[in-house]
């Protein structure tokens, strides 16, 4: 099975929207911008992990870096509770992780 980046990114965005709930109105545009900026990094990470034998520890470290970049980029654009932003970003990364596992 292969990693379907388009489907995964769409599902990540939907998961973030669902968790954000009523706050999605202020988070949608910044989240969309971050997804666009980081799309290649997410795609490259999936490829690197599946093709080059990136170990789990290295994958976790790179995911953590991306997670922080998502949080930071959105937080710079809008003012929301840090806990809410963390849940929103984490929901998107959960979808990404699940897609990576299915691609194996």
N, C-alpha and C. Protein backbone atom coordinates (compact mmCIF):
# COMPACT_ATOMS: atom_id res chain seq x y z
N UNK A 1 0.84 -1.18 0.00
CA UNK A 1 0.00 0.00 0.00
C UNK A 1 0.89 1.24 0.00
N UNK A 2 0.41 2.33 -0.55
CA UNK A 2 1.22 3.54 -0.61
C UNK A 2 0.56 4.67 0.18
N UNK A 3 1.34 5.68 0.43
CA UNK A 3 0.88 6.84 1.17
C UNK A 3 0.16 7.77 0.21
N UNK A 4 -1.12 8.02 0.46
CA UNK A 4 -1.93 8.92 -0.37
C UNK A 4 -1.93 10.29 0.29
N UNK A 5 -1.01 11.14 -0.15
CA UNK A 5 -0.84 12.43 0.52
C UNK A 5 -2.07 13.33 0.39
N UNK A 6 -2.66 13.38 -0.78
CA UNK A 6 -3.83 14.24 -0.96
C UNK A 6 -4.96 13.88 -0.03
N UNK A 7 -5.27 12.60 0.03
CA UNK A 7 -6.34 12.11 0.92
C UNK A 7 -5.97 12.35 2.38
N UNK A 8 -4.72 12.08 2.72
CA UNK A 8 -4.27 12.26 4.10
C UNK A 8 -4.36 13.72 4.53
N UNK A 9 -3.91 14.64 3.68
CA UNK A 9 -3.95 16.05 4.04
C UNK A 9 -5.38 16.53 4.20
N UNK A 10 -6.26 16.06 3.33
CA UNK A 10 -7.67 16.43 3.44
C UNK A 10 -8.24 15.93 4.77
N UNK A 11 -7.93 14.70 5.15
CA UNK A 11 -8.42 14.12 6.39
C UNK A 11 -7.80 14.80 7.61
N UNK A 12 -6.54 15.21 7.51
CA UNK A 12 -5.90 15.93 8.61
C UNK A 12 -6.62 17.26 8.85
N UNK A 13 -6.92 17.95 7.77
CA UNK A 13 -7.60 19.24 7.85
C UNK A 13 -8.99 19.07 8.44
N UNK A 14 -9.70 18.01 8.02
CA UNK A 14 -11.05 17.74 8.54
C UNK A 14 -11.01 17.41 10.03
N UNK A 15 -10.00 16.64 10.43
CA UNK A 15 -9.87 16.29 11.85
C UNK A 15 -9.61 17.54 12.69
N UNK A 16 -8.76 18.42 12.18
CA UNK A 16 -8.47 19.66 12.89
C UNK A 16 -9.73 20.50 13.03
N UNK A 17 -10.50 20.58 11.97
CA UNK A 17 -11.74 21.35 11.99
C UNK A 17 -12.73 20.79 13.00
N UNK A 18 -12.83 19.49 13.04
CA UNK A 18 -13.76 18.84 13.97
C UNK A 18 -13.39 19.13 15.42
N UNK A 19 -12.12 19.04 15.74
CA UNK A 19 -11.67 19.29 17.11
C UNK A 19 -11.81 20.77 17.47
N UNK A 20 -11.54 21.64 16.51
CA UNK A 20 -11.64 23.08 16.77
C UNK A 20 -13.07 23.53 17.03
N UNK A 21 -14.02 22.83 16.42
CA UNK A 21 -15.43 23.15 16.64
C UNK A 21 -15.75 24.60 16.31
N UNK A 22 -16.36 25.29 17.26
CA UNK A 22 -16.80 26.67 17.05
C UNK A 22 -15.64 27.64 16.82
N UNK A 23 -14.41 27.22 17.14
CA UNK A 23 -13.24 28.07 16.97
C UNK A 23 -12.62 27.94 15.58
N UNK A 24 -13.19 27.06 14.77
CA UNK A 24 -12.62 26.81 13.45
C UNK A 24 -12.64 28.08 12.58
N UNK A 25 -13.60 28.93 12.79
CA UNK A 25 -13.68 30.17 12.02
C UNK A 25 -12.42 31.00 12.09
N UNK A 26 -11.79 31.05 13.26
CA UNK A 26 -10.55 31.83 13.38
C UNK A 26 -9.30 30.99 13.08
N UNK A 27 -9.43 29.68 13.13
CA UNK A 27 -8.27 28.81 12.90
C UNK A 27 -8.14 28.33 11.46
N UNK A 28 -9.22 28.35 10.72
CA UNK A 28 -9.22 27.73 9.39
C UNK A 28 -8.15 28.31 8.46
N UNK A 29 -8.14 29.62 8.30
CA UNK A 29 -7.20 30.22 7.36
C UNK A 29 -5.73 30.01 7.78
N UNK A 30 -5.38 30.27 9.05
CA UNK A 30 -3.99 30.00 9.45
C UNK A 30 -3.63 28.52 9.31
N UNK A 31 -4.56 27.64 9.65
CA UNK A 31 -4.28 26.21 9.53
C UNK A 31 -4.06 25.83 8.06
N UNK A 32 -4.89 26.37 7.19
CA UNK A 32 -4.75 26.08 5.77
C UNK A 32 -3.38 26.56 5.25
N UNK A 33 -2.96 27.71 5.70
CA UNK A 33 -1.66 28.24 5.28
C UNK A 33 -0.52 27.34 5.75
N UNK A 34 -0.60 26.89 6.99
CA UNK A 34 0.45 26.02 7.53
C UNK A 34 0.45 24.69 6.80
N UNK A 35 -0.72 24.14 6.52
CA UNK A 35 -0.79 22.88 5.78
C UNK A 35 -0.13 23.03 4.41
N UNK A 36 -0.37 24.14 3.75
CA UNK A 36 0.24 24.37 2.43
C UNK A 36 1.75 24.49 2.54
N UNK A 37 2.23 25.24 3.52
CA UNK A 37 3.67 25.43 3.69
C UNK A 37 4.36 24.11 4.04
N UNK A 38 3.73 23.30 4.87
CA UNK A 38 4.36 22.07 5.38
C UNK A 38 4.00 20.82 4.58
N UNK A 39 3.18 20.97 3.55
CA UNK A 39 2.74 19.80 2.75
C UNK A 39 3.93 18.99 2.24
N UNK A 40 4.91 19.66 1.65
CA UNK A 40 6.07 18.94 1.11
C UNK A 40 6.87 18.26 2.22
N UNK A 41 7.01 18.92 3.35
CA UNK A 41 7.75 18.32 4.46
C UNK A 41 7.07 17.04 4.95
N UNK A 42 5.74 17.06 5.02
CA UNK A 42 5.00 15.87 5.44
C UNK A 42 5.12 14.76 4.40
N UNK A 43 5.03 15.13 3.14
CA UNK A 43 5.15 14.15 2.06
C UNK A 43 6.56 13.55 2.05
N UNK A 44 7.58 14.39 2.21
CA UNK A 44 8.97 13.92 2.22
C UNK A 44 9.25 13.02 3.42
N UNK A 45 8.68 13.36 4.56
CA UNK A 45 8.87 12.53 5.74
C UNK A 45 8.27 11.15 5.54
N UNK A 46 7.09 11.09 4.96
CA UNK A 46 6.46 9.79 4.69
C UNK A 46 7.33 8.97 3.75
N UNK A 47 7.82 9.59 2.70
CA UNK A 47 8.67 8.90 1.74
C UNK A 47 9.96 8.43 2.38
N UNK A 48 10.57 9.30 3.15
CA UNK A 48 11.82 8.97 3.83
C UNK A 48 11.64 7.78 4.77
N UNK A 49 10.55 7.79 5.50
CA UNK A 49 10.32 6.71 6.46
C UNK A 49 10.05 5.39 5.76
N UNK A 50 9.28 5.42 4.68
CA UNK A 50 8.91 4.18 4.01
C UNK A 50 10.02 3.66 3.10
N UNK A 51 10.82 4.54 2.54
CA UNK A 51 11.80 4.13 1.53
C UNK A 51 13.23 3.98 2.03
N UNK A 52 13.62 4.77 3.00
CA UNK A 52 15.03 4.77 3.36
C UNK A 52 15.33 4.11 4.70
N UNK A 53 14.33 3.58 5.33
CA UNK A 53 14.59 2.89 6.58
C UNK A 53 14.79 3.79 7.78
N UNK A 54 14.20 4.98 7.74
CA UNK A 54 14.22 5.87 8.90
C UNK A 54 13.67 5.10 10.10
N UNK A 55 14.41 5.08 11.19
CA UNK A 55 13.93 4.30 12.34
C UNK A 55 12.85 5.07 13.11
N UNK A 56 12.18 4.37 14.00
CA UNK A 56 11.06 4.96 14.73
C UNK A 56 11.48 6.17 15.58
N UNK A 57 12.64 6.10 16.17
CA UNK A 57 13.12 7.21 17.00
C UNK A 57 13.34 8.47 16.14
N UNK A 58 13.94 8.28 14.97
CA UNK A 58 14.15 9.41 14.06
C UNK A 58 12.82 9.96 13.55
N UNK A 59 11.91 9.05 13.24
CA UNK A 59 10.58 9.47 12.78
C UNK A 59 9.89 10.28 13.86
N UNK A 60 9.91 9.80 15.09
CA UNK A 60 9.28 10.53 16.20
C UNK A 60 9.88 11.93 16.37
N UNK A 61 11.19 12.03 16.26
CA UNK A 61 11.85 13.33 16.41
C UNK A 61 11.42 14.29 15.30
N UNK A 62 11.35 13.80 14.08
CA UNK A 62 10.94 14.65 12.96
C UNK A 62 9.47 15.03 13.06
N UNK A 63 8.64 14.10 13.52
CA UNK A 63 7.22 14.42 13.72
C UNK A 63 7.06 15.48 14.80
N UNK A 64 7.84 15.38 15.84
CA UNK A 64 7.79 16.37 16.93
C UNK A 64 8.19 17.76 16.42
N UNK A 65 9.22 17.81 15.59
CA UNK A 65 9.63 19.09 15.00
C UNK A 65 8.51 19.69 14.15
N UNK A 66 7.90 18.87 13.31
CA UNK A 66 6.80 19.35 12.46
C UNK A 66 5.61 19.80 13.31
N UNK A 67 5.32 19.04 14.34
CA UNK A 67 4.22 19.36 15.24
C UNK A 67 4.44 20.75 15.85
N UNK A 68 5.67 20.99 16.32
CA UNK A 68 6.00 22.29 16.91
C UNK A 68 5.89 23.41 15.88
N UNK A 69 6.32 23.13 14.65
CA UNK A 69 6.21 24.15 13.60
C UNK A 69 4.76 24.49 13.30
N UNK A 70 3.90 23.48 13.27
CA UNK A 70 2.47 23.73 13.06
C UNK A 70 1.92 24.60 14.18
N UNK A 71 2.17 24.20 15.42
CA UNK A 71 1.70 24.96 16.57
C UNK A 71 2.18 26.40 16.54
N UNK A 72 3.46 26.56 16.34
CA UNK A 72 4.06 27.89 16.36
C UNK A 72 3.51 28.78 15.24
N UNK A 73 3.42 28.24 14.04
CA UNK A 73 2.95 29.04 12.90
C UNK A 73 1.51 29.50 13.08
N UNK A 74 0.67 28.62 13.59
CA UNK A 74 -0.73 29.00 13.81
C UNK A 74 -0.83 29.99 14.96
N UNK A 75 -0.10 29.73 16.04
CA UNK A 75 -0.14 30.61 17.21
C UNK A 75 0.33 32.03 16.88
N UNK A 76 1.21 32.16 15.92
CA UNK A 76 1.69 33.49 15.53
C UNK A 76 0.61 34.29 14.80
N UNK A 77 -0.37 33.60 14.24
CA UNK A 77 -1.39 34.27 13.44
C UNK A 77 -2.69 34.54 14.19
N UNK A 78 -3.01 33.70 15.16
CA UNK A 78 -4.27 33.87 15.90
C UNK A 78 -4.04 33.64 17.38
N UNK A 79 -4.92 34.20 18.17
CA UNK A 79 -4.83 34.03 19.61
C UNK A 79 -5.92 33.05 20.05
N UNK A 80 -5.50 31.87 20.43
CA UNK A 80 -6.41 30.85 20.95
C UNK A 80 -5.74 30.20 22.16
N UNK A 81 -6.53 29.51 22.93
CA UNK A 81 -5.99 28.81 24.09
C UNK A 81 -4.95 27.79 23.63
N UNK A 82 -3.80 27.76 24.26
CA UNK A 82 -2.75 26.81 23.86
C UNK A 82 -3.23 25.35 23.88
N UNK A 83 -4.08 25.02 24.85
CA UNK A 83 -4.59 23.65 24.96
C UNK A 83 -5.45 23.29 23.75
N UNK A 84 -6.27 24.24 23.31
CA UNK A 84 -7.11 24.01 22.13
C UNK A 84 -6.23 23.84 20.90
N UNK A 85 -5.27 24.70 20.73
CA UNK A 85 -4.39 24.61 19.57
C UNK A 85 -3.65 23.28 19.58
N UNK A 86 -3.19 22.86 20.73
CA UNK A 86 -2.49 21.58 20.84
C UNK A 86 -3.41 20.43 20.42
N UNK A 87 -4.65 20.44 20.87
CA UNK A 87 -5.60 19.38 20.50
C UNK A 87 -5.88 19.39 19.00
N UNK A 88 -6.01 20.57 18.43
CA UNK A 88 -6.29 20.70 17.00
C UNK A 88 -5.12 20.13 16.18
N UNK A 89 -3.92 20.55 16.51
CA UNK A 89 -2.74 20.08 15.78
C UNK A 89 -2.54 18.59 16.02
N UNK A 90 -2.72 18.14 17.24
CA UNK A 90 -2.54 16.72 17.54
C UNK A 90 -3.53 15.86 16.77
N UNK A 91 -4.75 16.33 16.62
CA UNK A 91 -5.74 15.55 15.86
C UNK A 91 -5.29 15.37 14.41
N UNK A 92 -4.72 16.42 13.83
CA UNK A 92 -4.22 16.33 12.46
C UNK A 92 -3.05 15.34 12.39
N UNK A 93 -2.15 15.40 13.35
CA UNK A 93 -1.01 14.50 13.34
C UNK A 93 -1.40 13.05 13.63
N UNK A 94 -2.48 12.84 14.38
CA UNK A 94 -2.98 11.48 14.58
C UNK A 94 -3.41 10.88 13.25
N UNK A 95 -4.09 11.68 12.43
CA UNK A 95 -4.52 11.21 11.11
C UNK A 95 -3.29 10.89 10.25
N UNK A 96 -2.30 11.75 10.29
CA UNK A 96 -1.07 11.53 9.53
C UNK A 96 -0.41 10.21 9.96
N UNK A 97 -0.30 10.01 11.25
CA UNK A 97 0.31 8.79 11.79
C UNK A 97 -0.46 7.55 11.32
N UNK A 98 -1.76 7.60 11.42
CA UNK A 98 -2.59 6.47 10.99
C UNK A 98 -2.38 6.18 9.50
N UNK A 99 -2.27 7.22 8.70
CA UNK A 99 -2.04 7.04 7.26
C UNK A 99 -0.68 6.39 7.00
N UNK A 100 0.33 6.79 7.77
CA UNK A 100 1.65 6.17 7.63
C UNK A 100 1.58 4.67 7.98
N UNK A 101 0.86 4.35 9.04
CA UNK A 101 0.75 2.95 9.46
C UNK A 101 0.01 2.12 8.40
N UNK A 102 -1.02 2.69 7.79
CA UNK A 102 -1.77 1.97 6.75
C UNK A 102 -0.91 1.77 5.49
N UNK A 103 0.01 2.66 5.27
CA UNK A 103 0.85 2.58 4.06
C UNK A 103 1.90 1.47 4.14
N UNK A 104 2.14 0.98 5.32
CA UNK A 104 3.15 -0.08 5.47
C UNK A 104 2.73 -1.38 4.84
